[in-house]
Amino acid sequence: MGDSSGTATRTRAGRALATRRRMVRAASEIFAAEGYTGTTIAAVADRAGVAVPTVYYTFGTKTALLGEVLGAAIIGIDRWREPPAEPFELAELLPVHGWWEDLLTAATSREALDVFVGQGTDVLRRVGPLMPALHGASGDTEGQELLRVSEERRVDTYREVLRRVAETPGGLRDGLDLETATDVVVVLFSPETYQGLLGRGWSHERCTEFFREVLGDRLLGPPVSPAE
């Protein structure tokens, strides 16, 4: 006989995860359309087809819900499970990204940067519409902390990506240190820049190519073969 209790547990866990993702998706749509102050837990519950207490029980506060929405936008809602327990190391989170292994196995620094830009621009597309809500949440202590931590983790992630790029054949351009390279990417490769380009009528594909060219020119030296 099979383990019926184990199967039931997995079934309950699967339903709970599907409900969580449904609430996150509903909240993402409303935060993007209505901003932070215009979003209500009742509206999220209604769109997700759950009771209001279910949203509160799962996420706690509207700001915490926004934080989870941001995390899901970065990872992808279909890959999202729940936030890791605090405190956690960045090294624990990066492998969750589907592209991380491709970056680690890239043959040259230019190939590694291409992996990051290609996948990162998809992240900017998902995160960009949520930035007004994130800034709108900063009117209280919890919201300010969410904004601070979100930016800190973005910077740390970019630094770690560039560390890997620097260690790959070809590396960074001569004279460019890791911190300066991180500064360049943090400023240029941002949701605000991406949204600004879209506002000028650029397509997602054109934005991706722009970032690939600009960051490649600013960060990398001449192309090399993997054997060099």
C-alpha atoms as a PDB file:
ATOM      1  CA  MET A   1       0.000   0.000   0.000  1.00  0.00           C
ATOM      2  CA  GLY A   2       1.150   3.515  -0.702  1.00  0.00           C
ATOM      3  CA  ASP A   3       1.749   6.177   1.865  1.00  0.00           C
ATOM      4  CA  SER A   4      -1.683   7.805   1.837  1.00  0.00           C
ATOM      5  CA  SER A   5      -0.753  10.298   4.563  1.00  0.00           C
ATOM      6  CA  GLY A   6       2.283  11.426   2.602  1.00  0.00           C
ATOM      7  CA  THR A   7       0.221  11.794  -0.549  1.00  0.00           C
ATOM      8  CA  ALA A   8      -2.413  13.816   1.323  1.00  0.00           C
ATOM      9  CA  THR A   9       0.296  16.070   2.756  1.00  0.00           C
ATOM     10  CA  ARG A  10       1.751  16.698  -0.685  1.00  0.00           C
ATOM     11  CA  THR A  11      -1.724  17.379  -2.055  1.00  0.00           C
ATOM     12  CA  ARG A  12      -2.445  19.912   0.702  1.00  0.00           C
ATOM     13  CA  ALA A  13       0.933  21.524   0.180  1.00  0.00           C
ATOM     14  CA  GLY A  14       0.290  21.751  -3.548  1.00  0.00           C
ATOM     15  CA  ARG A  15      -3.095  23.380  -3.011  1.00  0.00           C
ATOM     16  CA  ALA A  16      -1.612  25.813  -0.493  1.00  0.00           C
ATOM     17  CA  LEU A  17       1.157  26.762  -2.924  1.00  0.00           C
ATOM     18  CA  ALA A  18      -1.333  27.253  -5.762  1.00  0.00           C
ATOM     19  CA  THR A  19      -3.443  29.502  -3.525  1.00  0.00           C
ATOM     20  CA  ARG A  20      -0.372  31.468  -2.453  1.00  0.00           C
ATOM     21  CA  ARG A  21       0.658  32.038  -6.060  1.00  0.00           C
ATOM     22  CA  ARG A  22      -2.885  33.049  -6.952  1.00  0.00           C
ATOM     23  CA  MET A  23      -2.879  35.674  -4.196  1.00  0.00           C
ATOM     24  CA  VAL A  24       0.562  36.909  -5.214  1.00  0.00           C
ATOM     25  CA  ARG A  25      -0.500  37.199  -8.849  1.00  0.00           C
ATOM     26  CA  ALA A  26      -3.679  39.075  -7.905  1.00  0.00           C
ATOM     27  CA  ALA A  27      -1.740  41.438  -5.641  1.00  0.00           C
ATOM     28  CA  SER A  28       0.858  42.035  -8.354  1.00  0.00           C
ATOM     29  CA  GLU A  29      -1.812  43.082 -10.830  1.00  0.00           C
ATOM     30  CA  ILE A  30      -3.493  45.433  -8.361  1.00  0.00           C
ATOM     31  CA  PHE A  31      -0.278  46.979  -7.021  1.00  0.00           C
ATOM     32  CA  ALA A  32       0.825  47.657 -10.605  1.00  0.00           C
ATOM     33  CA  ALA A  33      -2.501  49.233 -11.546  1.00  0.00           C
ATOM     34  CA  GLU A  34      -3.452  51.060  -8.342  1.00  0.00           C
ATOM     35  CA  GLY A  35      -0.189  51.708  -6.517  1.00  0.00           C
ATOM     36  CA  TYR A  36       0.369  51.055  -2.844  1.00  0.00           C
ATOM     37  CA  THR A  37      -2.302  53.272  -1.312  1.00  0.00           C
ATOM     38  CA  GLY A  38      -4.893  52.229  -3.885  1.00  0.00           C
ATOM     39  CA  THR A  39      -4.403  48.527  -3.178  1.00  0.00           C
ATOM     40  CA  THR A  40      -6.540  46.914  -0.491  1.00  0.00           C
ATOM     41  CA  ILE A  41      -6.357  43.454   1.009  1.00  0.00           C
ATOM     42  CA  ALA A  42     -10.066  43.083   0.278  1.00  0.00           C
ATOM     43  CA  ALA A  43      -9.442  43.722  -3.425  1.00  0.00           C
ATOM     44  CA  VAL A  44      -6.607  41.195  -3.478  1.00  0.00           C
ATOM     45  CA  ALA A  45      -8.766  38.593  -1.751  1.00  0.00           C
ATOM     46  CA  ASP A  46     -11.643  39.189  -4.143  1.00  0.00           C
ATOM     47  CA  ARG A  47      -9.466  38.862  -7.244  1.00  0.00           C
ATOM     48  CA  ALA A  48      -7.729  35.764  -5.893  1.00  0.00           C
ATOM     49  CA  GLY A  49     -11.004  34.168  -4.867  1.00  0.00           C
ATOM     50  CA  VAL A  50     -10.095  33.767  -1.197  1.00  0.00           C
ATOM     51  CA  ALA A  51     -11.327  35.184   2.097  1.00  0.00           C
ATOM     52  CA  VAL A  52      -9.748  38.356   3.461  1.00  0.00           C
ATOM     53  CA  PRO A  53      -8.434  36.556   6.581  1.00  0.00           C
ATOM     54  CA  THR A  54      -6.613  34.101   4.309  1.00  0.00           C
ATOM     55  CA  VAL A  55      -4.544  36.947   2.850  1.00  0.00           C
ATOM     56  CA  TYR A  56      -3.761  38.349   6.287  1.00  0.00           C
ATOM     57  CA  TYR A  57      -2.913  34.893   7.660  1.00  0.00           C
ATOM     58  CA  THR A  58      -0.550  34.151   4.776  1.00  0.00           C
ATOM     59  CA  PHE A  59       1.263  37.489   4.479  1.00  0.00           C
ATOM     60  CA  GLY A  60       0.564  39.464   7.641  1.00  0.00           C
ATOM     61  CA  THR A  61       0.519  43.036   6.320  1.00  0.00           C
ATOM     62  CA  LYS A  62       0.029  44.805   3.019  1.00  0.00           C
ATOM     63  CA  THR A  63       3.690  45.821   3.015  1.00  0.00           C
ATOM     64  CA  ALA A  64       4.798  42.237   3.595  1.00  0.00           C
ATOM     65  CA  LEU A  65       2.519  41.181   0.733  1.00  0.00           C
ATOM     66  CA  LEU A  66       4.193  43.752  -1.513  1.00  0.00           C
ATOM     67  CA  GLY A  67       7.580  42.383  -0.487  1.00  0.00           C
ATOM     68  CA  GLU A  68       6.528  38.899  -1.518  1.00  0.00           C
ATOM     69  CA  VAL A  69       5.103  40.229  -4.784  1.00  0.00           C
ATOM     70  CA  LEU A  70       8.495  41.796  -5.536  1.00  0.00           C
ATOM     71  CA  GLY A  71      10.286  38.558  -4.736  1.00  0.00           C
ATOM     72  CA  ALA A  72       7.928  36.622  -6.985  1.00  0.00           C
ATOM     73  CA  ALA A  73       8.418  39.173  -9.777  1.00  0.00           C
ATOM     74  CA  ILE A  74      12.170  38.657  -9.561  1.00  0.00           C
ATOM     75  CA  ILE A  75      12.042  34.863  -9.488  1.00  0.00           C
ATOM     76  CA  GLY A  76       8.898  34.445 -11.592  1.00  0.00           C
ATOM     77  CA  ILE A  77       5.507  33.703 -10.068  1.00  0.00           C
ATOM     78  CA  ASP A  78       5.373  30.202 -11.575  1.00  0.00           C
ATOM     79  CA  ARG A  79       8.677  29.395  -9.790  1.00  0.00           C
ATOM     80  CA  TRP A  80       7.795  31.196  -6.577  1.00  0.00           C
ATOM     81  CA  ARG A  81       7.250  29.279  -3.364  1.00  0.00           C
ATOM     82  CA  GLU A  82       7.631  31.636  -0.387  1.00  0.00           C
ATOM     83  CA  PRO A  83      10.310  33.928   1.041  1.00  0.00           C
ATOM     84  CA  PRO A  84      13.303  32.164   2.598  1.00  0.00           C
ATOM     85  CA  ALA A  85      13.530  32.332   6.355  1.00  0.00           C
ATOM     86  CA  GLU A  86      15.450  35.324   7.637  1.00  0.00           C
ATOM     87  CA  PRO A  87      18.326  35.770   7.984  1.00  0.00           C
ATOM     88  CA  PHE A  88      19.668  34.146   4.847  1.00  0.00           C
ATOM     89  CA  GLU A  89      22.810  34.427   2.756  1.00  0.00           C
ATOM     90  CA  LEU A  90      22.649  35.667  -0.828  1.00  0.00           C
ATOM     91  CA  ALA A  91      24.461  32.505  -1.905  1.00  0.00           C
ATOM     92  CA  GLU A  92      21.410  30.517  -0.778  1.00  0.00           C
ATOM     93  CA  LEU A  93      19.054  32.557  -2.957  1.00  0.00           C
ATOM     94  CA  LEU A  94      20.971  32.962  -6.218  1.00  0.00           C
ATOM     95  CA  PRO A  95      20.717  29.290  -7.293  1.00  0.00           C
ATOM     96  CA  VAL A  96      16.923  29.660  -7.224  1.00  0.00           C
ATOM     97  CA  HIS A  97      17.243  31.721 -10.406  1.00  0.00           C
ATOM     98  CA  GLY A  98      16.891  29.450 -13.404  1.00  0.00           C
ATOM     99  CA  TRP A  99      19.712  31.287 -15.193  1.00  0.00           C
ATOM    100  CA  TRP A 100      22.304  31.095 -12.418  1.00  0.00           C
ATOM    101  CA  GLU A 101      23.789  27.775 -13.536  1.00  0.00           C
ATOM    102  CA  ASP A 102      24.065  29.089 -17.110  1.00  0.00           C
ATOM    103  CA  LEU A 103      26.009  32.093 -15.832  1.00  0.00           C
ATOM    104  CA  LEU A 104      28.362  29.871 -13.819  1.00  0.00           C
ATOM    105  CA  THR A 105      29.087  27.652 -16.811  1.00  0.00           C
ATOM    106  CA  ALA A 106      29.528  30.454 -19.383  1.00  0.00           C
ATOM    107  CA  ALA A 107      32.770  30.073 -21.331  1.00  0.00           C
ATOM    108  CA  THR A 108      33.689  33.788 -21.458  1.00  0.00           C
ATOM    109  CA  SER A 109      32.860  36.938 -19.547  1.00  0.00           C
ATOM    110  CA  ARG A 110      30.890  38.236 -22.516  1.00  0.00           C
ATOM    111  CA  GLU A 111      28.759  35.089 -22.596  1.00  0.00           C
ATOM    112  CA  ALA A 112      28.223  35.373 -18.825  1.00  0.00           C
ATOM    113  CA  LEU A 113      27.135  38.992 -19.140  1.00  0.00           C
ATOM    114  CA  ASP A 114      24.797  38.066 -21.992  1.00  0.00           C
ATOM    115  CA  VAL A 115      23.113  35.480 -19.745  1.00  0.00           C
ATOM    116  CA  PHE A 116      22.652  38.048 -17.004  1.00  0.00           C
ATOM    117  CA  VAL A 117      21.363  40.790 -19.282  1.00  0.00           C
ATOM    118  CA  GLY A 118      18.974  38.510 -21.150  1.00  0.00           C
ATOM    119  CA  GLN A 119      17.426  37.142 -17.994  1.00  0.00           C
ATOM    120  CA  GLY A 120      17.774  40.371 -16.028  1.00  0.00           C
ATOM    121  CA  THR A 121      15.830  42.384 -18.569  1.00  0.00           C
ATOM    122  CA  ASP A 122      12.954  39.943 -18.155  1.00  0.00           C
ATOM    123  CA  VAL A 123      13.133  40.658 -14.416  1.00  0.00           C
ATOM    124  CA  LEU A 124      13.065  44.418 -15.069  1.00  0.00           C
ATOM    125  CA  ARG A 125       9.952  43.927 -17.206  1.00  0.00           C
ATOM    126  CA  ARG A 126       8.196  42.201 -14.298  1.00  0.00           C
ATOM    127  CA  VAL A 127       9.476  44.481 -11.531  1.00  0.00           C
ATOM    128  CA  GLY A 128       9.177  47.842 -13.305  1.00  0.00           C
ATOM    129  CA  PRO A 129       5.384  48.225 -12.967  1.00  0.00           C
ATOM    130  CA  LEU A 130       5.690  47.591  -9.219  1.00  0.00           C
ATOM    131  CA  MET A 131       8.209  50.352  -8.483  1.00  0.00           C
ATOM    132  CA  PRO A 132       5.605  53.107  -7.919  1.00  0.00           C
ATOM    133  CA  ALA A 133       3.943  50.892  -5.316  1.00  0.00           C
ATOM    134  CA  LEU A 134       7.291  50.183  -3.653  1.00  0.00           C
ATOM    135  CA  HIS A 135       8.074  53.885  -3.372  1.00  0.00           C
ATOM    136  CA  GLY A 136       4.506  54.571  -2.311  1.00  0.00           C
ATOM    137  CA  ALA A 137       4.924  52.179   0.601  1.00  0.00           C
ATOM    138  CA  SER A 138       7.851  54.142   2.041  1.00  0.00           C
ATOM    139  CA  GLY A 139       5.628  56.419   4.108  1.00  0.00           C
ATOM    140  CA  ASP A 140       5.990  54.199   7.173  1.00  0.00           C
ATOM    141  CA  THR A 141       8.815  52.344   8.886  1.00  0.00           C
ATOM    142  CA  GLU A 142       7.933  48.935   7.444  1.00  0.00           C
ATOM    143  CA  GLY A 143       7.760  50.319   3.933  1.00  0.00           C
ATOM    144  CA  GLN A 144      11.046  52.181   4.305  1.00  0.00           C
ATOM    145  CA  GLU A 145      12.714  48.975   5.447  1.00  0.00           C
ATOM    146  CA  LEU A 146      11.270  47.079   2.486  1.00  0.00           C
ATOM    147  CA  LEU A 147      12.637  49.698   0.087  1.00  0.00           C
ATOM    148  CA  ARG A 148      16.052  49.658   1.791  1.00  0.00           C
ATOM    149  CA  VAL A 149      16.345  45.878   1.818  1.00  0.00           C
ATOM    150  CA  SER A 150      15.126  45.542  -1.781  1.00  0.00           C
ATOM    151  CA  GLU A 151      17.755  47.955  -3.050  1.00  0.00           C
ATOM    152  CA  GLU A 152      20.470  46.431  -0.889  1.00  0.00           C
ATOM    153  CA  ARG A 153      19.761  42.970  -2.283  1.00  0.00           C
ATOM    154  CA  ARG A 154      19.697  44.282  -5.846  1.00  0.00           C
ATOM    155  CA  VAL A 155      23.139  45.803  -5.349  1.00  0.00           C
ATOM    156  CA  ASP A 156      24.481  42.662  -3.680  1.00  0.00           C
ATOM    157  CA  THR A 157      23.113  40.473  -6.473  1.00  0.00           C
ATOM    158  CA  TYR A 158      24.659  42.648  -9.175  1.00  0.00           C
ATOM    159  CA  ARG A 159      27.993  42.624  -7.329  1.00  0.00           C
ATOM    160  CA  GLU A 160      27.979  38.837  -7.088  1.00  0.00           C
ATOM    161  CA  VAL A 161      27.064  38.475 -10.767  1.00  0.00           C
ATOM    162  CA  LEU A 162      29.898  40.788 -11.743  1.00  0.00           C
ATOM    163  CA  ARG A 163      32.298  38.905  -9.477  1.00  0.00           C
ATOM    164  CA  ARG A 164      31.508  35.801 -11.505  1.00  0.00           C
ATOM    165  CA  VAL A 165      31.873  37.722 -14.767  1.00  0.00           C
ATOM    166  CA  ALA A 166      35.260  39.014 -13.617  1.00  0.00           C
ATOM    167  CA  GLU A 167      36.441  35.463 -12.851  1.00  0.00           C
ATOM    168  CA  THR A 168      35.431  34.152 -16.289  1.00  0.00           C
ATOM    169  CA  PRO A 169      37.923  34.215 -19.208  1.00  0.00           C
ATOM    170  CA  GLY A 170      38.039  37.761 -20.547  1.00  0.00           C
ATOM    171  CA  GLY A 171      37.031  39.260 -17.212  1.00  0.00           C
ATOM    172  CA  LEU A 172      36.353  42.953 -16.779  1.00  0.00           C
ATOM    173  CA  ARG A 173      38.065  45.612 -18.861  1.00  0.00           C
ATOM    174  CA  ASP A 174      41.541  46.663 -17.736  1.00  0.00           C
ATOM    175  CA  GLY A 175      41.494  49.121 -14.850  1.00  0.00           C
ATOM    176  CA  LEU A 176      37.861  48.490 -13.908  1.00  0.00           C
ATOM    177  CA  ASP A 177      37.407  47.272 -10.343  1.00  0.00           C
ATOM    178  CA  LEU A 178      34.451  45.319  -9.064  1.00  0.00           C
ATOM    179  CA  GLU A 179      32.874  48.157  -7.064  1.00  0.00           C
ATOM    180  CA  THR A 180      32.981  50.589  -9.973  1.00  0.00           C
ATOM    181  CA  ALA A 181      31.512  47.961 -12.288  1.00  0.00           C
ATOM    182  CA  THR A 182      28.741  47.377  -9.738  1.00  0.00           C
ATOM    183  CA  ASP A 183      28.016  51.108  -9.578  1.00  0.00           C
ATOM    184  CA  VAL A 184      27.655  51.251 -13.359  1.00  0.00           C
ATOM    185  CA  VAL A 185      25.231  48.338 -13.501  1.00  0.00           C
ATOM    186  CA  VAL A 186      23.174  49.494 -10.506  1.00  0.00           C
ATOM    187  CA  VAL A 187      22.559  52.886 -12.128  1.00  0.00           C
ATOM    188  CA  LEU A 188      22.084  51.789 -15.741  1.00  0.00           C
ATOM    189  CA  PHE A 189      20.416  48.398 -15.372  1.00  0.00           C
ATOM    190  CA  SER A 190      17.454  49.489 -13.289  1.00  0.00           C
ATOM    191  CA  PRO A 191      13.672  49.162 -13.487  1.00  0.00           C
ATOM    192  CA  GLU A 192      13.440  52.934 -13.839  1.00  0.00           C
ATOM    193  CA  THR A 193      15.752  53.012 -16.875  1.00  0.00           C
ATOM    194  CA  TYR A 194      13.897  50.097 -18.446  1.00  0.00           C
ATOM    195  CA  GLN A 195      10.504  51.749 -17.889  1.00  0.00           C
ATOM    196  CA  GLY A 196      11.850  55.013 -19.272  1.00  0.00           C
ATOM    197  CA  LEU A 197      12.905  53.316 -22.497  1.00  0.00           C
ATOM    198  CA  LEU A 198       9.526  51.624 -22.816  1.00  0.00           C
ATOM    199  CA  GLY A 199       7.948  55.040 -22.339  1.00  0.00           C
ATOM    200  CA  ARG A 200       9.906  56.257 -25.352  1.00  0.00           C
ATOM    201  CA  GLY A 201       8.301  53.518 -27.427  1.00  0.00           C
ATOM    202  CA  TRP A 202      11.103  50.968 -27.256  1.00  0.00           C
ATOM    203  CA  SER A 203      10.258  47.265 -27.428  1.00  0.00           C
ATOM    204  CA  HIS A 204      11.469  44.800 -24.827  1.00  0.00           C
ATOM    205  CA  GLU A 205      13.819  43.303 -27.396  1.00  0.00           C
ATOM    206  CA  ARG A 206      15.317  46.688 -28.218  1.00  0.00           C
ATOM    207  CA  CYS A 207      15.818  47.396 -24.516  1.00  0.00           C
ATOM    208  CA  THR A 208      17.585  44.073 -24.060  1.00  0.00           C
ATOM    209  CA  GLU A 209      19.935  44.739 -26.964  1.00  0.00           C
ATOM    210  CA  PHE A 210      20.638  48.253 -25.656  1.00  0.00           C
ATOM    211  CA  PHE A 211      21.624  46.943 -22.226  1.00  0.00           C
ATOM    212  CA  ARG A 212      23.711  44.188 -23.773  1.00  0.00           C
ATOM    213  CA  GLU A 213      25.646  46.651 -25.916  1.00  0.00           C
ATOM    214  CA  VAL A 214      26.067  49.427 -23.344  1.00  0.00           C
ATOM    215  CA  LEU A 215      27.029  47.197 -20.444  1.00  0.00           C
ATOM    216  CA  GLY A 216      29.311  45.116 -22.633  1.00  0.00           C
ATOM    217  CA  ASP A 217      31.100  48.248 -23.869  1.00  0.00           C
ATOM    218  CA  ARG A 218      31.449  49.730 -20.383  1.00  0.00           C
ATOM    219  CA  LEU A 219      32.386  46.588 -18.475  1.00  0.00           C
ATOM    220  CA  LEU A 220      34.255  44.193 -20.730  1.00  0.00           C
ATOM    221  CA  GLY A 221      37.478  44.250 -22.644  1.00  0.00           C
ATOM    222  CA  PRO A 222      38.007  42.878 -26.170  1.00  0.00           C
ATOM    223  CA  PRO A 223      36.295  39.560 -26.923  1.00  0.00           C
ATOM    224  CA  VAL A 224      38.317  36.441 -26.161  1.00  0.00           C
ATOM    225  CA  SER A 225      37.949  32.785 -27.048  1.00  0.00           C
ATOM    226  CA  PRO A 226      37.355  30.369 -24.155  1.00  0.00           C
ATOM    227  CA  ALA A 227      40.866  28.975 -24.615  1.00  0.00           C
ATOM    228  CA  GLU A 228      42.586  32.326 -24.060  1.00  0.00           C
END
